[in-house]
Amino acid sequence: MKRLKQIILLLVAVVSVAVLSSCKETNADRLEKMRGDWVSTGSKPPFTLSEENGQYRVTVIKKSHAGSTRMETYLIRETDGYLFIETGLAVMLTYDKEKDRIHLSPGGEYKRSNHQLNK
């Protein structure tokens, strides 16, 4: 009887661990929550994070000193569990869901825009 109780307790522990691990948020979940328009809390250009055909992209709106604008789009990739924007340099992307902020390293902090930038 004692052995049966130990087996049941072990099974409950294994099921609990399985349930908790299945609830773990993935980078795909984070990226889905990050979709939208973002503005810098500093002086960096705004960007839009979007998804197309299962691939996430960042589109940056850059203004020249002459006043013209151009858009550049970069893919987001995951390496060793970390998200990076492929700009020619690897820009690390992290998300704070409690504050709804994105941090780019290098690049600084971004907050969600109150208006749609690319619509």
Protein backbone atom coordinates (compact mmCIF):
# COMPACT_ATOMS: atom_id res chain seq x y z
CA MET A 1 0.00 0.00 0.00
CA LYS A 2 2.87 2.35 0.85
CA ARG A 3 4.46 1.62 -2.51
CA LEU A 4 1.17 2.35 -4.33
CA LYS A 5 0.94 5.75 -2.60
CA GLN A 6 4.51 6.55 -3.68
CA ILE A 7 3.72 5.60 -7.29
CA ILE A 8 0.57 7.73 -7.30
CA LEU A 9 2.48 10.67 -5.79
CA LEU A 10 5.20 10.28 -8.43
CA LEU A 11 2.61 10.16 -11.22
CA VAL A 12 0.94 13.32 -9.90
CA ALA A 13 4.33 15.07 -9.84
CA VAL A 14 5.13 13.99 -13.41
CA VAL A 15 1.74 15.15 -14.69
CA SER A 16 2.17 18.49 -12.88
CA VAL A 17 5.56 19.04 -14.47
CA ALA A 18 4.17 18.13 -17.90
CA VAL A 19 1.29 20.57 -17.52
CA LEU A 20 3.58 23.37 -16.35
CA SER A 21 6.05 22.82 -19.17
CA SER A 22 3.28 22.83 -21.77
CA CYS A 23 2.16 26.26 -20.46
CA LYS A 24 5.59 27.75 -21.09
CA GLU A 25 5.37 30.69 -23.49
CA THR A 26 7.29 30.20 -26.73
CA ASN A 27 9.01 32.85 -28.84
CA ALA A 28 6.23 32.40 -31.42
CA ASP A 29 3.71 33.31 -28.70
CA ARG A 30 5.78 36.38 -27.77
CA LEU A 31 6.10 37.47 -31.38
CA GLU A 32 2.35 37.17 -31.86
CA LYS A 33 1.81 39.46 -28.85
CA MET A 34 4.42 41.92 -30.20
CA ARG A 35 2.67 42.41 -33.55
CA GLY A 36 1.88 46.06 -34.15
CA ASP A 37 3.42 49.51 -34.36
CA TRP A 38 6.17 50.60 -31.98
CA VAL A 39 7.80 53.95 -31.23
CA SER A 40 11.11 54.58 -29.53
CA THR A 41 11.25 56.00 -26.02
CA GLY A 42 14.42 57.74 -27.26
CA SER A 43 15.13 59.13 -30.69
CA LYS A 44 15.25 55.99 -32.84
CA PRO A 45 12.92 55.45 -35.84
CA PRO A 46 9.55 53.71 -35.32
CA PHE A 47 8.91 50.20 -36.60
CA THR A 48 6.12 47.74 -37.29
CA LEU A 49 6.36 44.09 -36.32
CA SER A 50 4.22 41.89 -38.57
CA GLU A 51 3.79 38.31 -39.70
CA GLU A 52 3.54 37.02 -43.25
CA ASN A 53 3.43 33.35 -44.26
CA GLY A 54 4.61 32.25 -40.82
CA GLN A 55 7.63 34.58 -40.82
CA TYR A 56 7.87 37.60 -38.57
CA ARG A 57 9.35 40.82 -39.90
CA VAL A 58 10.27 44.27 -38.67
CA THR A 59 9.66 47.21 -41.01
CA VAL A 60 11.53 50.37 -40.07
CA ILE A 61 10.54 53.80 -41.34
CA LYS A 62 13.66 55.91 -41.77
CA LYS A 63 13.74 59.62 -42.53
CA SER A 64 16.68 61.29 -44.24
CA HIS A 65 18.01 64.73 -43.33
CA ALA A 66 16.35 66.01 -46.53
CA GLY A 67 12.95 64.85 -45.23
CA SER A 68 12.34 61.88 -47.49
CA THR A 69 11.30 58.55 -45.97
CA ARG A 70 12.10 54.97 -46.86
CA MET A 71 11.05 51.65 -45.44
CA GLU A 72 13.38 48.75 -44.74
CA THR A 73 12.12 45.28 -43.80
CA TYR A 74 14.13 42.68 -41.88
CA LEU A 75 13.37 39.08 -40.89
CA ILE A 76 13.32 37.98 -37.27
CA ARG A 77 15.11 34.74 -36.46
CA GLU A 78 15.46 32.63 -33.34
CA THR A 79 18.87 31.32 -32.28
CA ASP A 80 19.43 29.38 -29.05
CA GLY A 81 16.06 30.59 -27.72
CA TYR A 82 16.79 34.29 -28.38
CA LEU A 83 15.13 36.51 -30.98
CA PHE A 84 17.24 38.55 -33.40
CA ILE A 85 16.43 41.02 -36.16
CA GLU A 86 18.62 40.37 -39.21
CA THR A 87 19.84 43.85 -40.19
CA GLY A 88 23.32 42.82 -41.28
CA LEU A 89 24.14 42.97 -37.59
CA ALA A 90 22.29 40.80 -35.10
CA VAL A 91 19.94 43.04 -33.11
CA MET A 92 18.58 41.17 -30.08
CA LEU A 93 14.86 41.63 -29.47
CA THR A 94 13.26 41.06 -26.04
CA TYR A 95 9.70 41.69 -24.84
CA ASP A 96 8.42 42.71 -21.42
CA LYS A 97 4.75 41.70 -21.49
CA GLU A 98 3.92 43.33 -18.13
CA LYS A 99 5.07 46.75 -19.37
CA ASP A 100 4.23 46.00 -23.03
CA ARG A 101 7.70 47.18 -24.07
CA ILE A 102 10.22 45.90 -26.60
CA HIS A 103 13.94 46.30 -26.01
CA LEU A 104 16.37 46.17 -28.93
CA SER A 105 20.02 45.62 -28.19
CA PRO A 106 21.46 47.74 -29.65
CA GLY A 107 18.55 50.10 -30.26
CA GLY A 108 16.89 50.93 -26.97
CA GLU A 109 13.37 50.62 -25.65
CA TYR A 110 10.13 50.87 -27.62
CA LYS A 111 6.53 51.33 -26.51
CA ARG A 112 3.43 50.40 -28.43
CA SER A 113 2.20 53.20 -30.68
CA ASN A 114 -1.24 54.71 -30.01
CA HIS A 115 -1.83 55.06 -33.77
CA GLN A 116 -1.19 52.88 -36.79
CA LEU A 117 2.07 53.82 -38.54
CA ASN A 118 1.76 51.85 -41.77
CA LYS A 119 -1.95 51.74 -42.37
